[in-house]
Amino acid sequence: MTNEQLARKWFDEVWNQRRTDLVHELVLADSVCHTDQGDFTGPQPFLDFHAQMLTALPDLKVTVEETLAQGDSVAARWLLTATHAGKPVHFRGVTWIHYRDGKMVEGFDCWNVGGLMGRLGSPGG
């Protein structure tokens, strides 16, 4: 499987199909994810974040709009759509992933988590 296929598998199967069992298959214990909210290492912090997102947005769906792959890196531009408290939610982001031997070793997520959480908590949403 190419790195680009692995990136698409991540979004489709882990996020859209809720296959959290794949996280341990695709992420190493020392893999690092860099986010605007801070960095986390290994599968468990991601699984905790995944559960929080699905609690807030139970019908969450991620559509990969485009990928660019070069060497061991893949950049994926994606669109997230969901519903929260009966209101539609959507936003775009980019995830840049470095792979080694078919495993994610480092990722950079670029999307405004704080802005999303503010919208979900605000009455005007």
PDB file of N, CA and C in Angstrom:
ATOM      1  N   MET A   1       0.851  -1.179   0.000  1.00  0.00           N
ATOM      2  CA  MET A   1       0.000   0.000   0.000  1.00  0.00           C
ATOM      3  C   MET A   1       0.893   1.238   0.000  1.00  0.00           C
ATOM      4  N   THR A   2       0.583   2.204  -0.854  1.00  0.00           N
ATOM      5  CA  THR A   2       1.376   3.439  -0.909  1.00  0.00           C
ATOM      6  C   THR A   2       1.051   4.323   0.295  1.00  0.00           C
ATOM      7  N   ASN A   3       1.923   5.285   0.569  1.00  0.00           N
ATOM      8  CA  ASN A   3       1.662   6.220   1.660  1.00  0.00           C
ATOM      9  C   ASN A   3       0.387   7.021   1.417  1.00  0.00           C
ATOM     10  N   GLU A   4       0.137   7.375   0.175  1.00  0.00           N
ATOM     11  CA  GLU A   4      -1.096   8.100  -0.150  1.00  0.00           C
ATOM     12  C   GLU A   4      -2.321   7.244   0.173  1.00  0.00           C
ATOM     13  N   GLN A   5      -2.266   5.960  -0.158  1.00  0.00           N
ATOM     14  CA  GLN A   5      -3.373   5.057   0.168  1.00  0.00           C
ATOM     15  C   GLN A   5      -3.536   4.910   1.681  1.00  0.00           C
ATOM     16  N   LEU A   6      -2.406   4.879   2.403  1.00  0.00           N
ATOM     17  CA  LEU A   6      -2.471   4.808   3.866  1.00  0.00           C
ATOM     18  C   LEU A   6      -3.143   6.045   4.454  1.00  0.00           C
ATOM     19  N   ALA A   7      -2.831   7.211   3.897  1.00  0.00           N
ATOM     20  CA  ALA A   7      -3.450   8.454   4.388  1.00  0.00           C
ATOM     21  C   ALA A   7      -4.958   8.426   4.142  1.00  0.00           C
ATOM     22  N   ARG A   8      -5.356   8.009   2.964  1.00  0.00           N
ATOM     23  CA  ARG A   8      -6.784   7.929   2.662  1.00  0.00           C
ATOM     24  C   ARG A   8      -7.471   6.888   3.554  1.00  0.00           C
ATOM     25  N   LYS A   9      -6.781   5.785   3.823  1.00  0.00           N
ATOM     26  CA  LYS A   9      -7.315   4.753   4.717  1.00  0.00           C
ATOM     27  C   LYS A   9      -7.544   5.336   6.108  1.00  0.00           C
ATOM     28  N   TRP A  10      -6.615   6.151   6.583  1.00  0.00           N
ATOM     29  CA  TRP A  10      -6.737   6.777   7.898  1.00  0.00           C
ATOM     30  C   TRP A  10      -8.053   7.554   8.013  1.00  0.00           C
ATOM     31  N   PHE A  11      -8.290   8.418   7.041  1.00  0.00           N
ATOM     32  CA  PHE A  11      -9.494   9.246   7.109  1.00  0.00           C
ATOM     33  C   PHE A  11     -10.762   8.425   6.882  1.00  0.00           C
ATOM     34  N   ASP A  12     -10.743   7.541   5.906  1.00  0.00           N
ATOM     35  CA  ASP A  12     -11.947   6.777   5.591  1.00  0.00           C
ATOM     36  C   ASP A  12     -12.267   5.751   6.667  1.00  0.00           C
ATOM     37  N   GLU A  13     -11.282   4.977   7.070  1.00  0.00           N
ATOM     38  CA  GLU A  13     -11.582   3.878   7.977  1.00  0.00           C
ATOM     39  C   GLU A  13     -11.554   4.291   9.448  1.00  0.00           C
ATOM     40  N   VAL A  14     -10.543   5.054   9.869  1.00  0.00           N
ATOM     41  CA  VAL A  14     -10.476   5.442  11.286  1.00  0.00           C
ATOM     42  C   VAL A  14     -11.563   6.458  11.613  1.00  0.00           C
ATOM     43  N   TRP A  15     -11.719   7.474  10.749  1.00  0.00           N
ATOM     44  CA  TRP A  15     -12.719   8.510  11.043  1.00  0.00           C
ATOM     45  C   TRP A  15     -14.114   8.123  10.570  1.00  0.00           C
ATOM     46  N   ASN A  16     -14.277   7.794   9.317  1.00  0.00           N
ATOM     47  CA  ASN A  16     -15.620   7.585   8.777  1.00  0.00           C
ATOM     48  C   ASN A  16     -16.231   6.243   9.171  1.00  0.00           C
ATOM     49  N   GLN A  17     -15.422   5.206   9.226  1.00  0.00           N
ATOM     50  CA  GLN A  17     -15.941   3.885   9.592  1.00  0.00           C
ATOM     51  C   GLN A  17     -15.762   3.589  11.083  1.00  0.00           C
ATOM     52  N   ARG A  18     -15.119   4.521  11.807  1.00  0.00           N
ATOM     53  CA  ARG A  18     -14.922   4.390  13.268  1.00  0.00           C
ATOM     54  C   ARG A  18     -14.087   3.162  13.628  1.00  0.00           C
ATOM     55  N   ARG A  19     -13.126   2.808  12.774  1.00  0.00           N
ATOM     56  CA  ARG A  19     -12.280   1.625  12.992  1.00  0.00           C
ATOM     57  C   ARG A  19     -11.090   1.997  13.879  1.00  0.00           C
ATOM     58  N   THR A  20     -11.342   2.186  15.152  1.00  0.00           N
ATOM     59  CA  THR A  20     -10.270   2.585  16.063  1.00  0.00           C
ATOM     60  C   THR A  20      -9.235   1.487  16.249  1.00  0.00           C
ATOM     61  N   ASP A  21      -9.574   0.251  15.928  1.00  0.00           N
ATOM     62  CA  ASP A  21      -8.600  -0.834  16.005  1.00  0.00           C
ATOM     63  C   ASP A  21      -7.415  -0.589  15.073  1.00  0.00           C
ATOM     64  N   LEU A  22      -7.624   0.150  13.999  1.00  0.00           N
ATOM     65  CA  LEU A  22      -6.549   0.425  13.051  1.00  0.00           C
ATOM     66  C   LEU A  22      -5.522   1.428  13.576  1.00  0.00           C
ATOM     67  N   VAL A  23      -5.888   2.193  14.590  1.00  0.00           N
ATOM     68  CA  VAL A  23      -4.961   3.208  15.107  1.00  0.00           C
ATOM     69  C   VAL A  23      -3.672   2.543  15.566  1.00  0.00           C
ATOM     70  N   HIS A  24      -3.765   1.447  16.302  1.00  0.00           N
ATOM     71  CA  HIS A  24      -2.565   0.756  16.781  1.00  0.00           C
ATOM     72  C   HIS A  24      -1.791   0.113  15.640  1.00  0.00           C
ATOM     73  N   GLU A  25      -2.463  -0.172  14.553  1.00  0.00           N
ATOM     74  CA  GLU A  25      -1.801  -0.741  13.376  1.00  0.00           C
ATOM     75  C   GLU A  25      -1.048   0.331  12.582  1.00  0.00           C
ATOM     76  N   LEU A  26      -1.572   1.553  12.561  1.00  0.00           N
ATOM     77  CA  LEU A  26      -1.020   2.609  11.707  1.00  0.00           C
ATOM     78  C   LEU A  26      -0.130   3.611  12.428  1.00  0.00           C
ATOM     79  N   VAL A  27      -0.160   3.624  13.763  1.00  0.00           N
ATOM     80  CA  VAL A  27       0.572   4.611  14.550  1.00  0.00           C
ATOM     81  C   VAL A  27       1.525   3.889  15.510  1.00  0.00           C
ATOM     82  N   LEU A  28       2.752   4.355  15.581  1.00  0.00           N
ATOM     83  CA  LEU A  28       3.736   3.784  16.505  1.00  0.00           C
ATOM     84  C   LEU A  28       3.576   4.375  17.904  1.00  0.00           C
ATOM     85  N   ALA A  29       4.130   3.707  18.883  1.00  0.00           N
ATOM     86  CA  ALA A  29       4.060   4.188  20.265  1.00  0.00           C
ATOM     87  C   ALA A  29       4.731   5.550  20.426  1.00  0.00           C
ATOM     88  N   ASP A  30       5.742   5.837  19.593  1.00  0.00           N
ATOM     89  CA  ASP A  30       6.452   7.119  19.711  1.00  0.00           C
ATOM     90  C   ASP A  30       6.117   8.093  18.579  1.00  0.00           C
ATOM     91  N   SER A  31       5.049   7.805  17.827  1.00  0.00           N
ATOM     92  CA  SER A  31       4.599   8.735  16.787  1.00  0.00           C
ATOM     93  C   SER A  31       4.100  10.021  17.439  1.00  0.00           C
ATOM     94  N   VAL A  32       4.382  11.153  16.798  1.00  0.00           N
ATOM     95  CA  VAL A  32       4.006  12.452  17.356  1.00  0.00           C
ATOM     96  C   VAL A  32       3.052  13.164  16.410  1.00  0.00           C
ATOM     97  N   CYS A  33       1.983  13.717  16.973  1.00  0.00           N
ATOM     98  CA  CYS A  33       1.054  14.549  16.228  1.00  0.00           C
ATOM     99  C   CYS A  33       1.150  15.969  16.775  1.00  0.00           C
ATOM    100  N   HIS A  34       1.413  16.919  15.900  1.00  0.00           N
ATOM    101  CA  HIS A  34       1.524  18.328  16.270  1.00  0.00           C
ATOM    102  C   HIS A  34       0.207  19.018  15.917  1.00  0.00           C
ATOM    103  N   THR A  35      -0.390  19.675  16.904  1.00  0.00           N
ATOM    104  CA  THR A  35      -1.655  20.380  16.684  1.00  0.00           C
ATOM    105  C   THR A  35      -1.569  21.773  17.290  1.00  0.00           C
ATOM    106  N   ASP A  36      -2.538  22.599  16.970  1.00  0.00           N
ATOM    107  CA  ASP A  36      -2.604  23.937  17.569  1.00  0.00           C
ATOM    108  C   ASP A  36      -2.830  23.859  19.074  1.00  0.00           C
ATOM    109  N   GLN A  37      -3.386  22.751  19.543  1.00  0.00           N
ATOM    110  CA  GLN A  37      -3.662  22.578  20.968  1.00  0.00           C
ATOM    111  C   GLN A  37      -2.489  21.946  21.715  1.00  0.00           C
ATOM    112  N   GLY A  38      -1.415  21.629  20.995  1.00  0.00           N
ATOM    113  CA  GLY A  38      -0.249  20.982  21.594  1.00  0.00           C
ATOM    114  C   GLY A  38       0.061  19.682  20.875  1.00  0.00           C
ATOM    115  N   ASP A  39       1.105  19.036  21.312  1.00  0.00           N
ATOM    116  CA  ASP A  39       1.538  17.783  20.694  1.00  0.00           C
ATOM    117  C   ASP A  39       1.067  16.605  21.541  1.00  0.00           C
ATOM    118  N   PHE A  40       0.823  15.494  20.877  1.00  0.00           N
ATOM    119  CA  PHE A  40       0.604  14.265  21.628  1.00  0.00           C
ATOM    120  C   PHE A  40       1.332  13.119  20.951  1.00  0.00           C
ATOM    121  N   THR A  41       1.709  12.154  21.782  1.00  0.00           N
ATOM    122  CA  THR A  41       2.558  11.054  21.337  1.00  0.00           C
ATOM    123  C   THR A  41       1.840   9.723  21.532  1.00  0.00           C
ATOM    124  N   GLY A  42       1.893   8.906  20.496  1.00  0.00           N
ATOM    125  CA  GLY A  42       1.347   7.555  20.569  1.00  0.00           C
ATOM    126  C   GLY A  42      -0.135   7.480  20.297  1.00  0.00           C
ATOM    127  N   PRO A  43      -0.653   6.267  20.229  1.00  0.00           N
ATOM    128  CA  PRO A  43      -2.051   6.055  19.867  1.00  0.00           C
ATOM    129  C   PRO A  43      -3.076   6.532  20.897  1.00  0.00           C
ATOM    130  N   GLN A  44      -2.820   6.369  22.181  1.00  0.00           N
ATOM    131  CA  GLN A  44      -3.865   6.627  23.173  1.00  0.00           C
ATOM    132  C   GLN A  44      -4.346   8.081  23.206  1.00  0.00           C
ATOM    133  N   PRO A  45      -3.456   9.072  23.185  1.00  0.00           N
ATOM    134  CA  PRO A  45      -3.971  10.448  23.149  1.00  0.00           C
ATOM    135  C   PRO A  45      -4.832  10.722  21.915  1.00  0.00           C
ATOM    136  N   PHE A  46      -4.455  10.122  20.771  1.00  0.00           N
ATOM    137  CA  PHE A  46      -5.293  10.283  19.587  1.00  0.00           C
ATOM    138  C   PHE A  46      -6.651   9.635  19.810  1.00  0.00           C
ATOM    139  N   LEU A  47      -6.674   8.439  20.363  1.00  0.00           N
ATOM    140  CA  LEU A  47      -7.947   7.750  20.607  1.00  0.00           C
ATOM    141  C   LEU A  47      -8.841   8.555  21.551  1.00  0.00           C
ATOM    142  N   ASP A  48      -8.239   9.200  22.546  1.00  0.00           N
ATOM    143  CA  ASP A  48      -9.010  10.055  23.451  1.00  0.00           C
ATOM    144  C   ASP A  48      -9.619  11.237  22.683  1.00  0.00           C
ATOM    145  N   PHE A  49      -8.805  11.867  21.818  1.00  0.00           N
ATOM    146  CA  PHE A  49      -9.292  12.985  20.999  1.00  0.00           C
ATOM    147  C   PHE A  49     -10.401  12.514  20.052  1.00  0.00           C
ATOM    148  N   HIS A  50     -10.197  11.377  19.427  1.00  0.00           N
ATOM    149  CA  HIS A  50     -11.171  10.786  18.510  1.00  0.00           C
ATOM    150  C   HIS A  50     -12.514  10.605  19.224  1.00  0.00           C
ATOM    151  N   ALA A  51     -12.475  10.059  20.432  1.00  0.00           N
ATOM    152  CA  ALA A  51     -13.705   9.844  21.207  1.00  0.00           C
ATOM    153  C   ALA A  51     -14.380  11.169  21.544  1.00  0.00           C
ATOM    154  N   GLN A  52     -13.601  12.181  21.906  1.00  0.00           N
ATOM    155  CA  GLN A  52     -14.168  13.503  22.209  1.00  0.00           C
ATOM    156  C   GLN A  52     -14.852  14.098  20.985  1.00  0.00           C
ATOM    157  N   MET A  53     -14.199  13.999  19.838  1.00  0.00           N
ATOM    158  CA  MET A  53     -14.794  14.538  18.608  1.00  0.00           C
ATOM    159  C   MET A  53     -16.099  13.829  18.274  1.00  0.00           C
ATOM    160  N   LEU A  54     -16.128  12.508  18.422  1.00  0.00           N
ATOM    161  CA  LEU A  54     -17.347  11.767  18.088  1.00  0.00           C
ATOM    162  C   LEU A  54     -18.456  11.982  19.110  1.00  0.00           C
ATOM    163  N   THR A  55     -18.094  12.323  20.327  1.00  0.00           N
ATOM    164  CA  THR A  55     -19.115  12.671  21.314  1.00  0.00           C
ATOM    165  C   THR A  55     -19.776  13.990  20.919  1.00  0.00           C
ATOM    166  N   ALA A  56     -18.964  14.954  20.502  1.00  0.00           N
ATOM    167  CA  ALA A  56     -19.489  16.263  20.101  1.00  0.00           C
ATOM    168  C   ALA A  56     -20.170  16.217  18.738  1.00  0.00           C
ATOM    169  N   LEU A  57     -19.650  15.386  17.839  1.00  0.00           N
ATOM    170  CA  LEU A  57     -20.132  15.334  16.455  1.00  0.00           C
ATOM    171  C   LEU A  57     -20.349  13.874  16.042  1.00  0.00           C
ATOM    172  N   PRO A  58     -21.384  13.223  16.537  1.00  0.00           N
ATOM    173  CA  PRO A  58     -21.541  11.783  16.321  1.00  0.00           C
ATOM    174  C   PRO A  58     -21.684  11.360  14.863  1.00  0.00           C
ATOM    175  N   ASP A  59     -22.128  12.251  13.987  1.00  0.00           N
ATOM    176  CA  ASP A  59     -22.266  11.886  12.572  1.00  0.00           C
ATOM    177  C   ASP A  59     -21.123  12.437  11.726  1.00  0.00           C
ATOM    178  N   LEU A  60     -20.017  12.754  12.361  1.00  0.00           N
ATOM    179  CA  LEU A  60     -18.837  13.315  11.707  1.00  0.00           C
ATOM    180  C   LEU A  60     -18.429  12.486  10.487  1.00  0.00           C
ATOM    181  N   LYS A  61     -18.117  13.190   9.407  1.00  0.00           N
ATOM    182  CA  LYS A  61     -17.611  12.545   8.194  1.00  0.00           C
ATOM    183  C   LYS A  61     -16.491  13.401   7.636  1.00  0.00           C
ATOM    184  N   VAL A  62     -15.397  12.754   7.254  1.00  0.00           N
ATOM    185  CA  VAL A  62     -14.263  13.454   6.664  1.00  0.00           C
ATOM    186  C   VAL A  62     -14.145  13.025   5.202  1.00  0.00           C
ATOM    187  N   THR A  63     -14.125  14.011   4.323  1.00  0.00           N
ATOM    188  CA  THR A  63     -13.943  13.761   2.898  1.00  0.00           C
ATOM    189  C   THR A  63     -12.569  14.277   2.502  1.00  0.00           C
ATOM    190  N   VAL A  64     -11.713  13.399   2.023  1.00  0.00           N
ATOM    191  CA  VAL A  64     -10.405  13.823   1.526  1.00  0.00           C
ATOM    192  C   VAL A  64     -10.630  14.425   0.147  1.00  0.00           C
ATOM    193  N   GLU A  65     -10.329  15.716   0.032  1.00  0.00           N
ATOM    194  CA  GLU A  65     -10.551  16.422  -1.226  1.00  0.00           C
ATOM    195  C   GLU A  65      -9.351  16.322  -2.162  1.00  0.00           C
ATOM    196  N   GLU A  66      -8.164  16.219  -1.580  1.00  0.00           N
ATOM    197  CA  GLU A  66      -6.962  16.157  -2.413  1.00  0.00           C
ATOM    198  C   GLU A  66      -5.803  15.665  -1.566  1.00  0.00           C
ATOM    199  N   THR A  67      -4.903  14.923  -2.195  1.00  0.00           N
ATOM    200  CA  THR A  67      -3.668  14.526  -1.526  1.00  0.00           C
ATOM    201  C   THR A  67      -2.495  14.849  -2.435  1.00  0.00           C
ATOM    202  N   LEU A  68      -1.379  15.142  -1.800  1.00  0.00           N
ATOM    203  CA  LEU A  68      -0.109  15.308  -2.494  1.00  0.00           C
ATOM    204  C   LEU A  68       0.899  14.426  -1.778  1.00  0.00           C
ATOM    205  N   ALA A  69       1.577  13.578  -2.529  1.00  0.00           N
ATOM    206  CA  ALA A  69       2.526  12.660  -1.932  1.00  0.00           C
ATOM    207  C   ALA A  69       3.896  12.860  -2.563  1.00  0.00           C
ATOM    208  N   GLN A  70       4.911  12.860  -1.696  1.00  0.00           N
ATOM    209  CA  GLN A  70       6.291  12.943  -2.169  1.00  0.00           C
ATOM    210  C   GLN A  70       7.163  12.194  -1.169  1.00  0.00           C
ATOM    211  N   GLY A  71       7.849  11.180  -1.640  1.00  0.00           N
ATOM    212  CA  GLY A  71       8.710  10.408  -0.750  1.00  0.00           C
ATOM    213  C   GLY A  71       7.905   9.807   0.387  1.00  0.00           C
ATOM    214  N   ASP A  72       8.342  10.075   1.608  1.00  0.00           N
ATOM    215  CA  ASP A  72       7.685   9.535   2.797  1.00  0.00           C
ATOM    216  C   ASP A  72       6.614  10.459   3.364  1.00  0.00           C
ATOM    217  N   SER A  73       6.238  11.499   2.634  1.00  0.00           N
ATOM    218  CA  SER A  73       5.274  12.478   3.138  1.00  0.00           C
ATOM    219  C   SER A  73       4.022  12.526   2.273  1.00  0.00           C
ATOM    220  N   VAL A  74       2.893  12.742   2.961  1.00  0.00           N
ATOM    221  CA  VAL A  74       1.615  12.933   2.280  1.00  0.00           C
ATOM    222  C   VAL A  74       0.908  14.114   2.940  1.00  0.00           C
ATOM    223  N   ALA A  75       0.438  15.029   2.121  1.00  0.00           N
ATOM    224  CA  ALA A  75      -0.409  16.121   2.602  1.00  0.00           C
ATOM    225  C   ALA A  75      -1.823  15.831   2.118  1.00  0.00           C
ATOM    226  N   ALA A  76      -2.764  15.894   3.046  1.00  0.00           N
ATOM    227  CA  ALA A  76      -4.169  15.648   2.708  1.00  0.00           C
ATOM    228  C   ALA A  76      -4.987  16.875   3.082  1.00  0.00           C
ATOM    229  N   ARG A  77      -5.728  17.396   2.098  1.00  0.00           N
ATOM    230  CA  ARG A  77      -6.674  18.487   2.349  1.00  0.00           C
ATOM    231  C   ARG A  77      -8.039  17.840   2.465  1.00  0.00           C
ATOM    232  N   TRP A  78      -8.735  18.155   3.554  1.00  0.00           N
ATOM    233  CA  TRP A  78      -9.983  17.460   3.845  1.00  0.00           C
ATOM    234  C   TRP A  78     -11.085  18.420   4.264  1.00  0.00           C
ATOM    235  N   LEU A  79     -12.302  17.913   4.163  1.00  0.00           N
ATOM    236  CA  LEU A  79     -13.505  18.634   4.585  1.00  0.00           C
ATOM    237  C   LEU A  79     -14.215  17.773   5.619  1.00  0.00           C
ATOM    238  N   LEU A  80     -14.493  18.352   6.775  1.00  0.00           N
ATOM    239  CA  LEU A  80     -15.254  17.664   7.810  1.00  0.00           C
ATOM    240  C   LEU A  80     -16.668  18.225   7.806  1.00  0.00           C
ATOM    241  N   THR A  81     -17.646  17.330   7.786  1.00  0.00           N
ATOM    242  CA  THR A  81     -19.046  17.727   7.906  1.00  0.00           C
ATOM    243  C   THR A  81     -19.658  16.926   9.053  1.00  0.00           C
ATOM    244  N   ALA A  82     -20.590  17.554   9.747  1.00  0.00           N
ATOM    245  CA  ALA A  82     -21.240  16.905  10.888  1.00  0.00           C
ATOM    246  C   ALA A  82     -22.454  17.729  11.281  1.00  0.00           C
ATOM    247  N   THR A  83     -23.107  17.272  12.327  1.00  0.00           N
ATOM    248  CA  THR A  83     -24.220  17.994  12.920  1.00  0.00           C
ATOM    249  C   THR A  83     -23.973  18.068  14.417  1.00  0.00           C
ATOM    250  N   HIS A  84     -24.232  19.234  14.989  1.00  0.00           N
ATOM    251  CA  HIS A  84     -24.124  19.392  16.441  1.00  0.00           C
ATOM    252  C   HIS A  84     -25.369  20.121  16.932  1.00  0.00           C
ATOM    253  N   ALA A  85     -26.090  19.505  17.841  1.00  0.00           N
ATOM    254  CA  ALA A  85     -27.314  20.087  18.396  1.00  0.00           C
ATOM    255  C   ALA A  85     -28.269  20.517  17.278  1.00  0.00           C
ATOM    256  N   GLY A  86     -28.366  19.685  16.237  1.00  0.00           N
ATOM    257  CA  GLY A  86     -29.279  19.952  15.139  1.00  0.00           C
ATOM    258  C   GLY A  86     -28.785  20.945  14.113  1.00  0.00           C
ATOM    259  N   LYS A  87     -27.583  21.481  14.311  1.00  0.00           N
ATOM    260  CA  LYS A  87     -27.044  22.469  13.376  1.00  0.00           C
ATOM    261  C   LYS A  87     -25.886  21.872  12.581  1.00  0.00           C
ATOM    262  N   PRO A  88     -25.846  22.159  11.274  1.00  0.00           N
ATOM    263  CA  PRO A  88     -24.737  21.641  10.476  1.00  0.00           C
ATOM    264  C   PRO A  88     -23.419  22.319  10.843  1.00  0.00           C
ATOM    265  N   VAL A  89     -22.360  21.536  10.814  1.00  0.00           N
ATOM    266  CA  VAL A  89     -21.009  22.014  11.082  1.00  0.00           C
ATOM    267  C   VAL A  89     -20.142  21.548   9.923  1.00  0.00           C
ATOM    268  N   HIS A  90     -19.301  22.430   9.431  1.00  0.00           N
ATOM    269  CA  HIS A  90     -18.339  22.015   8.407  1.00  0.00           C
ATOM    270  C   HIS A  90     -17.114  22.916   8.474  1.00  0.00           C
ATOM    271  N   PHE A  91     -15.961  22.330   8.194  1.00  0.00           N
ATOM    272  CA  PHE A  91     -14.725  23.090   8.112  1.00  0.00           C
ATOM    273  C   PHE A  91     -13.678  22.257   7.386  1.00  0.00           C
ATOM    274  N   ARG A  92     -12.683  22.955   6.906  1.00  0.00           N
ATOM    275  CA  ARG A  92     -11.601  22.309   6.168  1.00  0.00           C
ATOM    276  C   ARG A  92     -10.323  22.329   6.998  1.00  0.00           C
ATOM    277  N   GLY A  93      -9.454  21.395   6.665  1.00  0.00           N
ATOM    278  CA  GLY A  93      -8.153  21.337   7.301  1.00  0.00           C
ATOM    279  C   GLY A  93      -7.158  20.634   6.404  1.00  0.00           C
ATOM    280  N   VAL A  94      -5.922  20.646   6.855  1.00  0.00           N
ATOM    281  CA  VAL A  94      -4.840  19.959   6.150  1.00  0.00           C
ATOM    282  C   VAL A  94      -4.072  19.140   7.179  1.00  0.00           C
ATOM    283  N   THR A  95      -3.759  17.928   6.816  1.00  0.00           N
ATOM    284  CA  THR A  95      -2.918  17.070   7.642  1.00  0.00           C
ATOM    285  C   THR A  95      -1.725  16.638   6.804  1.00  0.00           C
ATOM    286  N   TRP A  96      -0.540  16.868   7.354  1.00  0.00           N
ATOM    287  CA  TRP A  96       0.707  16.496   6.692  1.00  0.00           C
ATOM    288  C   TRP A  96       1.293  15.343   7.489  1.00  0.00           C
ATOM    289  N   ILE A  97       1.505  14.209   6.842  1.00  0.00           N
ATOM    290  CA  ILE A  97       1.927  12.999   7.542  1.00  0.00           C
ATOM    291  C   ILE A  97       3.261  12.507   6.982  1.00  0.00           C
ATOM    292  N   HIS A  98       4.165  12.149   7.889  1.00  0.00           N
ATOM    293  CA  HIS A  98       5.424  11.493   7.527  1.00  0.00           C
ATOM    294  C   HIS A  98       5.293  10.016   7.882  1.00  0.00           C
ATOM    295  N   TYR A  99       5.668   9.154   6.935  1.00  0.00           N
ATOM    296  CA  TYR A  99       5.578   7.707   7.119  1.00  0.00           C
ATOM    297  C   TYR A  99       6.966   7.079   7.145  1.00  0.00           C
ATOM    298  N   ARG A 100       7.052   5.969   7.857  1.00  0.00           N
ATOM    299  CA  ARG A 100       8.237   5.112   7.803  1.00  0.00           C
ATOM    300  C   ARG A 100       7.739   3.676   7.869  1.00  0.00           C
ATOM    301  N   ASP A 101       8.076   2.919   6.850  1.00  0.00           N
ATOM    302  CA  ASP A 101       7.696   1.502   6.787  1.00  0.00           C
ATOM    303  C   ASP A 101       6.198   1.286   6.993  1.00  0.00           C
ATOM    304  N   GLY A 102       5.380   2.138   6.381  1.00  0.00           N
ATOM    305  CA  GLY A 102       3.933   1.973   6.436  1.00  0.00           C
ATOM    306  C   GLY A 102       3.277   2.438   7.721  1.00  0.00           C
ATOM    307  N   LYS A 103       4.017   3.123   8.569  1.00  0.00           N
ATOM    308  CA  LYS A 103       3.471   3.633   9.834  1.00  0.00           C
ATOM    309  C   LYS A 103       3.602   5.147   9.873  1.00  0.00           C
ATOM    310  N   MET A 104       2.626   5.797  10.502  1.00  0.00           N
ATOM    311  CA  MET A 104       2.709   7.246  10.722  1.00  0.00           C
ATOM    312  C   MET A 104       3.747   7.490  11.813  1.00  0.00           C
ATOM    313  N   VAL A 105       4.741   8.313  11.510  1.00  0.00           N
ATOM    314  CA  VAL A 105       5.730   8.625  12.543  1.00  0.00           C
ATOM    315  C   VAL A 105       5.602  10.066  13.033  1.00  0.00           C
ATOM    316  N   GLU A 106       5.027  10.926  12.186  1.00  0.00           N
ATOM    317  CA  GLU A 106       4.827  12.316  12.592  1.00  0.00           C
ATOM    318  C   GLU A 106       3.719  12.914  11.743  1.00  0.00           C
ATOM    319  N   GLY A 107       2.877  13.705  12.382  1.00  0.00           N
ATOM    320  CA  GLY A 107       1.799  14.366  11.665  1.00  0.00           C
ATOM    321  C   GLY A 107       1.646  15.796  12.127  1.00  0.00           C
ATOM    322  N   PHE A 108       1.184  16.634  11.221  1.00  0.00           N
ATOM    323  CA  PHE A 108       0.926  18.045  11.502  1.00  0.00           C
ATOM    324  C   PHE A 108      -0.509  18.332  11.087  1.00  0.00           C
ATOM    325  N   ASP A 109      -1.360  18.648  12.054  1.00  0.00           N
ATOM    326  CA  ASP A 109      -2.752  18.978  11.764  1.00  0.00           C
ATOM    327  C   ASP A 109      -2.916  20.486  11.768  1.00  0.00           C
ATOM    328  N   CYS A 110      -3.500  21.009  10.702  1.00  0.00           N
ATOM    329  CA  CYS A 110      -3.720  22.447  10.570  1.00  0.00           C
ATOM    330  C   CYS A 110      -5.209  22.712  10.390  1.00  0.00           C
ATOM    331  N   TRP A 111      -5.864  23.022  11.495  1.00  0.00           N
ATOM    332  CA  TRP A 111      -7.255  23.453  11.493  1.00  0.00           C
ATOM    333  C   TRP A 111      -7.516  24.095  12.836  1.00  0.00           C
ATOM    334  N   ASN A 112      -8.517  24.904  12.908  1.00  0.00           N
ATOM    335  CA  ASN A 112      -8.762  25.719  14.084  1.00  0.00           C
ATOM    336  C   ASN A 112      -9.665  24.985  15.081  1.00  0.00           C
ATOM    337  N   VAL A 113      -9.052  24.165  15.933  1.00  0.00           N
ATOM    338  CA  VAL A 113      -9.801  23.401  16.928  1.00  0.00           C
ATOM    339  C   VAL A 113     -10.508  24.340  17.907  1.00  0.00           C
ATOM    340  N   GLY A 114      -9.796  25.366  18.362  1.00  0.00           N
ATOM    341  CA  GLY A 114     -10.390  26.318  19.302  1.00  0.00           C
ATOM    342  C   GLY A 114     -11.596  27.027  18.709  1.00  0.00           C
ATOM    343  N   GLY A 115     -11.501  27.395  17.435  1.00  0.00           N
ATOM    344  CA  GLY A 115     -12.626  28.041  16.757  1.00  0.00           C
ATOM    345  C   GLY A 115     -13.828  27.117  16.663  1.00  0.00           C
ATOM    346  N   LEU A 116     -13.576  25.843  16.363  1.00  0.00           N
ATOM    347  CA  LEU A 116     -14.666  24.875  16.299  1.00  0.00           C
ATOM    348  C   LEU A 116     -15.318  24.734  17.662  1.00  0.00           C
ATOM    349  N   MET A 117     -14.523  24.556  18.703  1.00  0.00           N
ATOM    350  CA  MET A 117     -15.086  24.363  20.034  1.00  0.00           C
ATOM    351  C   MET A 117     -15.872  25.605  20.477  1.00  0.00           C
ATOM    352  N   GLY A 118     -15.387  26.792  20.102  1.00  0.00           N
ATOM    353  CA  GLY A 118     -16.116  28.019  20.409  1.00  0.00           C
ATOM    354  C   GLY A 118     -17.461  28.062  19.716  1.00  0.00           C
ATOM    355  N   ARG A 119     -17.501  27.641  18.452  1.00  0.00           N
ATOM    356  CA  ARG A 119     -18.773  27.623  17.712  1.00  0.00           C
ATOM    357  C   ARG A 119     -19.728  26.605  18.298  1.00  0.00           C
ATOM    358  N   LEU A 120     -19.203  25.441  18.705  1.00  0.00           N
ATOM    359  CA  LEU A 120     -20.085  24.418  19.268  1.00  0.00           C
ATOM    360  C   LEU A 120     -20.675  24.852  20.594  1.00  0.00           C
ATOM    361  N   GLY A 121     -19.920  25.653  21.351  1.00  0.00           N
ATOM    362  CA  GLY A 121     -20.390  26.080  22.649  1.00  0.00           C
ATOM    363  C   GLY A 121     -21.202  27.354  22.632  1.00  0.00           C
ATOM    364  N   SER A 122     -21.195  28.064  21.501  1.00  0.00           N
ATOM    365  CA  SER A 122     -21.904  29.338  21.444  1.00  0.00           C
ATOM    366  C   SER A 122     -23.351  29.131  21.032  1.00  0.00           C
ATOM    367  N   PRO A 123     -24.266  29.956  21.541  1.00  0.00           N
ATOM    368  CA  PRO A 123     -25.677  29.804  21.183  1.00  0.00           C
ATOM    369  C   PRO A 123     -25.923  29.974  19.688  1.00  0.00           C
ATOM    370  N   GLY A 124     -25.144  30.807  19.019  1.00  0.00           N
ATOM    371  CA  GLY A 124     -25.327  31.018  17.583  1.00  0.00           C
ATOM    372  C   GLY A 124     -24.652  29.961  16.745  1.00  0.00           C
ATOM    373  N   GLY A 125     -23.818  29.130  17.398  1.00  0.00           N
ATOM    374  CA  GLY A 125     -23.150  27.965  16.865  1.00  0.00           C
ATOM    375  C   GLY A 125     -22.546  28.057  15.551  1.00  0.00           C
TER     376      GLY A 125
END
